[in-house]
Each structure stands twice: as C-alpha cells, then as structure tokens.
Protein backbone atom coordinates (compact mmCIF):
# COMPACT_ATOMS: atom_id res chain seq x y z
CA UNK A 1 -2.52 86.51 27.56
CA UNK A 2 -5.68 88.44 27.55
CA UNK A 3 -5.09 92.21 26.63
CA UNK A 4 -7.95 93.34 28.83
CA UNK A 5 -7.26 95.77 31.74
CA UNK A 6 -9.11 96.61 34.60
CA UNK A 7 -7.04 99.80 36.24
CA UNK A 8 -7.66 100.76 39.64
CA UNK A 9 -5.98 103.75 41.24
CA UNK A 10 -4.73 102.98 44.81
CA UNK A 11 -3.27 105.31 47.51
CA UNK A 12 -1.13 104.54 50.61
CA UNK A 13 -0.60 106.61 53.55
CA UNK A 14 2.46 106.53 55.63
CA UNK A 15 2.57 108.96 58.51
CA UNK A 16 3.79 110.02 61.70
CA UNK A 17 1.05 109.57 64.47
CA UNK A 18 0.52 111.32 67.92
CA UNK A 19 -0.84 110.55 71.20
CA UNK A 20 -3.80 112.92 70.41
CA UNK A 21 -6.30 111.62 68.22
CA UNK A 22 -7.03 114.89 66.39
CA UNK A 23 -3.48 115.52 65.70
CA UNK A 24 -3.06 112.34 63.95
CA UNK A 25 -6.27 112.29 62.11
CA UNK A 26 -5.83 116.11 60.90
CA UNK A 27 -2.38 114.55 59.36
CA UNK A 28 -4.50 111.53 57.96
CA UNK A 29 -6.97 113.76 56.56
CA UNK A 30 -4.72 116.13 54.42
CA UNK A 31 -3.23 112.90 53.11
CA UNK A 32 -6.48 111.34 52.23
CA UNK A 33 -7.47 114.65 50.64
CA UNK A 34 -4.46 114.96 48.76
CA UNK A 35 -4.48 111.29 47.14
CA UNK A 36 -8.45 111.59 46.45
CA UNK A 37 -7.64 114.74 44.39
CA UNK A 38 -5.01 113.00 42.46
CA UNK A 39 -7.63 110.24 41.52
CA UNK A 40 -6.96 107.27 44.28
CA UNK A 41 -10.33 105.41 44.53
CA UNK A 42 -9.07 103.18 47.22
CA UNK A 43 -6.85 104.39 50.06
CA UNK A 44 -5.14 102.38 52.62
CA UNK A 45 -4.31 103.76 56.17
CA UNK A 46 -1.81 102.27 58.58
CA UNK A 47 -2.72 100.29 61.88
CA UNK A 48 -4.00 102.23 64.72
CA UNK A 49 -3.22 105.65 62.65
CA UNK A 50 -5.33 107.57 65.13
CA UNK A 51 -3.07 107.26 68.18
CA UNK A 52 0.71 106.48 69.09
CA UNK A 53 1.18 102.82 69.33
CA UNK A 54 0.36 102.38 72.64
CA UNK A 55 1.07 98.72 73.27
CA UNK A 56 4.75 99.40 74.11
CA UNK A 57 3.67 99.02 77.98
CA UNK A 58 0.64 97.36 79.82
CA UNK A 59 -1.33 100.12 81.49
CA UNK A 60 -5.21 99.55 82.17
CA UNK A 61 -5.80 103.37 81.52
CA UNK A 62 -5.01 102.98 77.72
CA UNK A 63 -8.34 100.93 77.29
CA UNK A 64 -9.98 104.30 77.54
CA UNK A 65 -8.53 104.68 73.95
CA UNK A 66 -10.78 102.21 72.51
CA UNK A 67 -14.28 103.12 70.78
CA UNK A 68 -17.29 101.30 69.58
CA UNK A 69 -17.17 100.05 66.09
CA UNK A 70 -19.19 102.94 64.97
CA UNK A 71 -17.72 105.23 67.15
CA UNK A 72 -16.17 109.00 66.56
CA UNK A 73 -12.97 107.64 64.48
CA UNK A 74 -15.30 105.45 62.27
CA UNK A 75 -17.57 107.97 61.73
CA UNK A 76 -15.06 110.63 60.70
CA UNK A 77 -13.46 108.10 58.21
CA UNK A 78 -17.05 107.49 56.84
CA UNK A 79 -17.55 111.27 56.39
CA UNK A 80 -14.23 111.52 54.23
CA UNK A 81 -15.22 108.66 52.08
CA UNK A 82 -18.59 109.74 51.46
CA UNK A 83 -17.45 113.27 50.56
CA UNK A 84 -14.47 112.32 48.44
CA UNK A 85 -16.35 109.19 47.08
CA UNK A 86 -13.80 106.90 47.82
CA UNK A 87 -13.22 103.71 49.55
CA UNK A 88 -11.16 103.90 52.56
CA UNK A 89 -9.65 101.23 54.85
CA UNK A 90 -8.77 102.64 58.40
CA UNK A 91 -8.00 101.20 61.89
CA UNK A 92 -9.44 101.52 65.17
CA UNK A 93 -8.81 100.23 68.95
CA UNK A 94 -12.21 98.93 69.23
CA UNK A 95 -14.29 98.35 72.43
CA UNK A 96 -16.52 95.53 71.56
CA UNK A 97 -17.57 94.93 75.09
CA UNK A 98 -16.46 95.32 78.55
CA UNK A 99 -13.34 93.41 78.57
CA UNK A 100 -13.45 92.29 74.97
CA UNK A 101 -11.16 94.61 72.86
CA UNK A 102 -10.15 94.42 69.32
CA UNK A 103 -7.62 95.61 66.94
CA UNK A 104 -10.00 96.33 63.91
CA UNK A 105 -9.54 97.47 60.40
CA UNK A 106 -12.79 99.20 59.20
CA UNK A 107 -13.89 99.63 55.55
CA UNK A 108 -15.71 102.71 54.41
CA UNK A 109 -17.16 102.83 50.85
CA UNK A 110 -18.28 105.97 49.80
CA UNK A 111 -21.98 106.76 50.43
CA UNK A 112 -22.43 103.25 51.95
CA UNK A 113 -20.19 104.05 54.89
CA UNK A 114 -19.06 101.20 56.84
CA UNK A 115 -19.40 98.28 54.89
CA UNK A 116 -17.36 95.74 56.66
CA UNK A 117 -14.61 95.10 59.23
CA UNK A 118 -12.09 92.61 60.01
CA UNK A 119 -10.74 92.10 63.71
CA UNK A 120 -6.90 91.13 63.81
CA UNK A 121 -6.80 87.50 64.20
CA UNK A 122 -3.05 86.67 65.27
CA UNK A 123 -2.02 88.72 68.32
CA UNK A 124 1.73 89.20 69.09
CA UNK A 125 3.23 89.39 72.69
CA UNK A 126 7.02 90.69 72.37
CA UNK A 127 9.06 93.15 74.29
CA UNK A 128 7.48 96.33 72.92
CA UNK A 129 4.47 94.56 71.43
CA UNK A 130 2.17 93.73 74.17
CA UNK A 131 -0.56 93.33 72.12
CA UNK A 132 -2.33 90.49 74.01
CA UNK A 133 -2.92 92.36 77.17
CA UNK A 134 -5.16 94.73 74.93
CA UNK A 135 -6.44 92.84 72.09
CA UNK A 136 -8.96 89.79 71.89
CA UNK A 137 -8.46 87.62 68.62
CA UNK A 138 -11.05 87.96 65.75
CA UNK A 139 -13.76 85.20 65.77
CA UNK A 140 -12.50 82.24 63.63
CA UNK A 141 -16.41 82.06 62.71
CA UNK A 142 -18.32 84.99 62.71
CA UNK A 143 -21.86 85.24 63.47
CA UNK A 144 -23.18 85.04 60.17
CA UNK A 145 -21.18 81.60 59.97
CA UNK A 146 -18.37 82.90 57.56
CA UNK A 147 -14.73 82.64 58.43
CA UNK A 148 -12.97 85.51 60.04
CA UNK A 149 -10.70 85.53 56.90
CA UNK A 150 -13.41 86.58 54.89
CA UNK A 151 -13.27 89.49 51.91
CA UNK A 152 -14.99 92.46 52.25
CA UNK A 153 -17.20 93.57 49.23
CA UNK A 154 -16.71 97.25 47.98
CA UNK A 155 -17.20 99.29 44.68
CA UNK A 156 -13.59 98.69 43.96
CA UNK A 157 -13.56 95.15 44.66
CA UNK A 158 -13.36 92.29 47.28
CA UNK A 159 -10.93 93.36 49.92
CA UNK A 160 -8.77 90.87 51.71
CA UNK A 161 -7.86 92.87 54.74
CA UNK A 162 -5.39 91.81 57.28
CA UNK A 163 -3.73 93.51 59.94
CA UNK A 164 0.17 93.56 60.81
CA UNK A 165 0.95 90.37 62.45
CA UNK A 166 -1.32 88.41 60.24
CA UNK A 167 1.10 89.52 57.52
CA UNK A 168 3.61 86.73 58.41
CA UNK A 169 1.23 83.89 58.07
CA UNK A 170 0.73 82.21 54.52
CA UNK A 171 -2.58 80.69 55.74
CA UNK A 172 -4.42 83.80 56.40
CA UNK A 173 -3.33 85.30 52.73
CA UNK A 174 -4.42 82.03 51.27
CA UNK A 175 -7.92 81.89 52.92
CA UNK A 176 -8.49 85.20 51.91
CA UNK A 177 -7.51 84.32 48.36
CA UNK A 178 -9.55 81.37 48.34
CA UNK A 179 -12.39 83.18 49.66
CA UNK A 180 -12.55 85.37 46.37
CA UNK A 181 -10.34 88.42 47.46
CA UNK A 182 -9.04 90.78 44.61
CA UNK A 183 -6.36 92.53 46.59
CA UNK A 184 -4.71 91.76 50.05
CA UNK A 185 -4.29 94.78 52.29
CA UNK A 186 -1.89 95.01 55.32
CA UNK A 187 -2.35 97.96 57.79
CA UNK A 188 0.93 97.64 59.95
CA UNK A 189 2.90 98.98 62.73
CA UNK A 190 6.39 97.61 62.69
CA UNK A 191 9.81 99.03 63.58
CA UNK A 192 12.94 98.37 64.98
CA UNK A 193 14.40 98.19 68.57
CA UNK A 194 17.11 101.24 68.07
CA UNK A 195 19.55 99.07 70.07
CA UNK A 196 19.60 96.28 67.31
CA UNK A 197 22.61 96.64 65.16
CA UNK A 198 22.38 97.86 61.83
CA UNK A 199 22.65 94.33 60.10
CA UNK A 200 19.91 93.09 62.10
CA UNK A 201 17.66 95.98 61.67
CA UNK A 202 18.11 95.35 57.73
CA UNK A 203 17.52 91.72 57.96
CA UNK A 204 14.26 92.28 59.70
CA UNK A 205 13.08 94.92 57.32
CA UNK A 206 13.86 92.83 54.17
CA UNK A 207 12.06 89.64 55.64
CA UNK A 208 9.13 91.67 56.22
CA UNK A 209 8.92 93.02 52.75
CA UNK A 210 9.80 89.54 51.33
CA UNK A 211 7.12 87.78 53.02
CA UNK A 212 4.45 89.85 51.89
CA UNK A 213 5.74 90.07 48.38
CA UNK A 214 5.57 86.21 48.52
CA UNK A 215 1.77 86.18 49.67
CA UNK A 216 1.25 88.23 46.23
CA UNK A 217 3.14 85.69 44.08
CA UNK A 218 1.49 82.58 45.90
CA UNK A 219 -1.88 83.92 45.31
CA UNK A 220 -1.59 85.88 42.20
CA UNK A 221 -3.08 88.90 43.66
CA UNK A 222 -1.65 92.81 44.43
CA UNK A 223 -0.81 93.60 47.97
CA UNK A 224 -1.01 97.00 49.61
CA UNK A 225 1.16 97.73 52.93
CA UNK A 226 0.95 100.68 55.02
CA UNK A 227 3.36 101.27 58.02
CA UNK A 228 3.98 103.90 59.95
CA UNK A 229 7.41 105.87 60.58
CA UNK A 230 8.86 107.77 63.50
CA UNK A 231 10.13 107.12 66.91
CA UNK A 232 7.66 106.56 69.62
CA UNK A 233 9.20 106.75 72.93
CA UNK A 234 8.74 103.81 75.56
CA UNK A 235 6.31 105.63 78.11
CA UNK A 236 7.91 103.26 80.80
CA UNK A 237 11.42 104.18 79.89
CA UNK A 238 12.31 100.58 79.98
CA UNK A 239 13.57 100.66 76.54
CA UNK A 240 14.93 103.03 73.60
CA UNK A 241 11.20 102.80 71.99
CA UNK A 242 10.18 101.71 68.55
CA UNK A 243 11.64 103.63 65.47
CA UNK A 244 8.92 102.39 62.95
CA UNK A 245 10.50 101.97 59.64
CA UNK A 246 7.86 102.90 57.07
CA UNK A 247 8.79 100.86 53.86
CA UNK A 248 5.00 100.84 52.84
CA UNK A 249 4.59 99.34 49.41
CA UNK A 250 2.45 98.05 46.49
CA UNK A 251 2.81 94.92 44.48
CA UNK A 252 1.26 93.46 41.55
CA UNK A 253 0.35 89.82 41.27
CA UNK A 254 3.93 88.57 40.95
CA UNK A 255 5.23 90.24 43.89
CA UNK A 256 6.92 93.22 41.66
CA UNK A 257 7.04 96.36 43.47
CA UNK A 258 4.89 98.92 41.95
CA UNK A 259 5.51 101.77 44.57
CA UNK A 260 7.69 101.71 47.57
CA UNK A 261 8.04 104.32 50.50
CA UNK A 262 11.08 105.30 52.43
CA UNK A 263 11.37 105.77 56.10
CA UNK A 264 9.99 109.22 56.16
CA UNK A 265 6.09 110.19 56.19
CA UNK A 266 4.97 109.64 52.51
CA UNK A 267 1.97 109.16 50.17
CA UNK A 268 1.93 106.54 47.68
CA UNK A 269 -0.20 106.49 44.51
CA UNK A 270 0.01 103.89 42.07
CA UNK A 271 -2.46 102.20 39.25
CA UNK A 272 -3.11 98.55 39.41
CA UNK A 273 -4.31 96.38 36.87
CA UNK A 274 -6.76 94.09 38.48
CA UNK A 275 -7.07 91.92 35.32
CA UNK A 276 -3.66 90.83 35.59
CA UNK A 277 -4.59 88.67 38.32
CA UNK A 278 -6.70 86.30 36.09
CA UNK A 279 -3.69 86.32 33.59
CA UNK A 280 -1.07 85.54 36.01
CA UNK A 281 -3.32 82.60 37.39
CA UNK A 282 -3.53 81.20 33.93
CA UNK A 283 0.22 80.63 33.45
CA UNK A 284 1.02 79.91 37.31
CA UNK A 285 -2.09 77.97 38.26
CA UNK A 286 -1.32 77.38 42.05
CA UNK A 287 -4.54 77.24 42.96
CA UNK A 288 -5.21 74.27 40.56
CA UNK A 289 -2.38 72.41 41.58
CA UNK A 290 -2.95 72.52 45.23
CA UNK A 291 -3.14 69.06 46.97
CA UNK A 292 -5.97 69.67 49.25
CA UNK A 293 -6.28 66.07 49.78
CA UNK A 294 -3.00 66.17 51.76
CA UNK A 295 -2.95 69.02 53.74
CA UNK A 296 -5.08 68.02 56.79
CA UNK A 297 -2.19 68.17 59.13
CA UNK A 298 -2.10 71.98 58.78
CA UNK A 299 -4.69 72.29 61.37
CA UNK A 300 -2.44 70.67 63.97
CA UNK A 301 -0.41 72.91 66.04
CA UNK A 302 2.74 70.93 65.54
CA UNK A 303 3.40 67.33 64.53
CA UNK A 304 5.58 65.79 67.29
C-alpha cells in the first residue's frame, strides 16, 4: 500500500434542540466554535438542528418555520463558516415556493458562502415521523441536468451529503460514490418510541449504525453521522414523544469506528486520512467488479 496520507480534521455536533431557533442556534454556535478552535476544518450538524423535530404531528401552522434557501439560518451558518474559516454542513426547513417545502442540507465553505445544497430524497411517513406532510422529495434530476445524488465541491473535498432516511438506502450511497464523493455525510434525527421494549430499542439502534458502516465498507469511503439527543414531547399528546438516541459517529473507509458518541450532547473531533480510500479500493475493488450489465432491474419498484 502507498504510505501517502491526506489528513482532514472533522467535527460532528450532537446536541439537544429547542423549539426556539435562537436557543438552538446558540448551542450550535458554541459547539462549532469549540470544534473550530480544536482544529476542525469540516463540521457536520444534525438534521433540522435549529428547532424541535416538528414532524411528530401534522399541523399547517408549522410551515411558518420554513425559510428560503438563503434565509436567516443559512446566513447565520455562512457567517460562522467565513469567520472561522471552516466548511460547515447544516440543515434547514426550506420554503422553495408556495406549497413546495424541502428538508435541505446546506454546505457553507469559508469565504465562498453557500456552495451547494442537497434536498432530502427519501421521505418517511411513519407514526411520529410524518415527513411526507411537510417535505417534497428532492429532484431526481436537477435544473443543471445532474442527478439529485451529486456531491458538493468544497475546499476539503467532494461531500456526498444525504439526510436521515436516505441513510437506509445503499443506492443513494452508491450513486454519491460513483459521482466522485470523497466522504459520505448524514445529518440525522432518529430516536426511539419510549414505549418500545429495551431489546427492540437496541436492535433499532444497532441496525442504524450497522447500515451506515456498511455504506463505508461497500464504497470505500469515510462516513460522518450527526444525530440529535433528548426527549422531545409529542405536541398532540397522542404518544410519549421521541427519545433521540444520539450515537453520532465517524468511520473510516472499512467501516472502522473512529469516533462514537453516547446518548448525551457531545462533540466529536477526529482526524481522517482521506488517502486511505484509494488504498482500500485497490485491495477491495468493489467498483471494478460491479456487474453493471446485470443491474437493470434495480430501477423497478418490485419484481413480480
């Protein structure tokens, strides 16, 4: 193997969120500043970090939380990225047009400001996670003709940014990898139903960690995951709310855990050698050996 290294210091923020944007962003800012002071050049925030996870109920008034792509939250994140000279991946509830709203990750790159965004493609609709009521899926083909699964170019590399429910789909990770991503990043909001038995809770969390580590292995890429923590009540009082389980982590390109958070608010700081992806892919050439001539049926919903 080559001994060449290309290290990048990464930060992941795992935090409690509040209904009030100013309160949530104050917590985020303190963590971002701390990680930047410790040398992080790329920092990942969790999904919808500026507010509570509001999708536990279907309420039209909550659309008032949405902002334009270049709205106040994006501008705030851009100001931090510029001042601290970092690449920052944040999350907003985006109002694209009347009646068209997205769950959008934004990428701020130092002085360059907003250099790209990703609109969540896979939208869940489950008890406590009523996202289809709020979010339109991202466009499969963008206006510039490129796929919705297109990495974002930054100073620190090409970022394959995906969001939460996307993390369960190997197709999304693979397409980002094939398009040249250097890292896969997953801002996330996932937790337990407090009424689930402990063994079921453990199985869910282990499956969540395992599937994303598998994306690292299958694609030979580092993976960053930022999840939220804390119990957020169900405003309708129809359930016990969601206990977000944290567990944010960073892996290397063989799925090895480089940093792993617990179930409390926590910042992760880790150095990743990006050159290892090249070395790993030389001895595990999954992309070389793919039978692309035999995969046409993957575009079908189901094979009856």
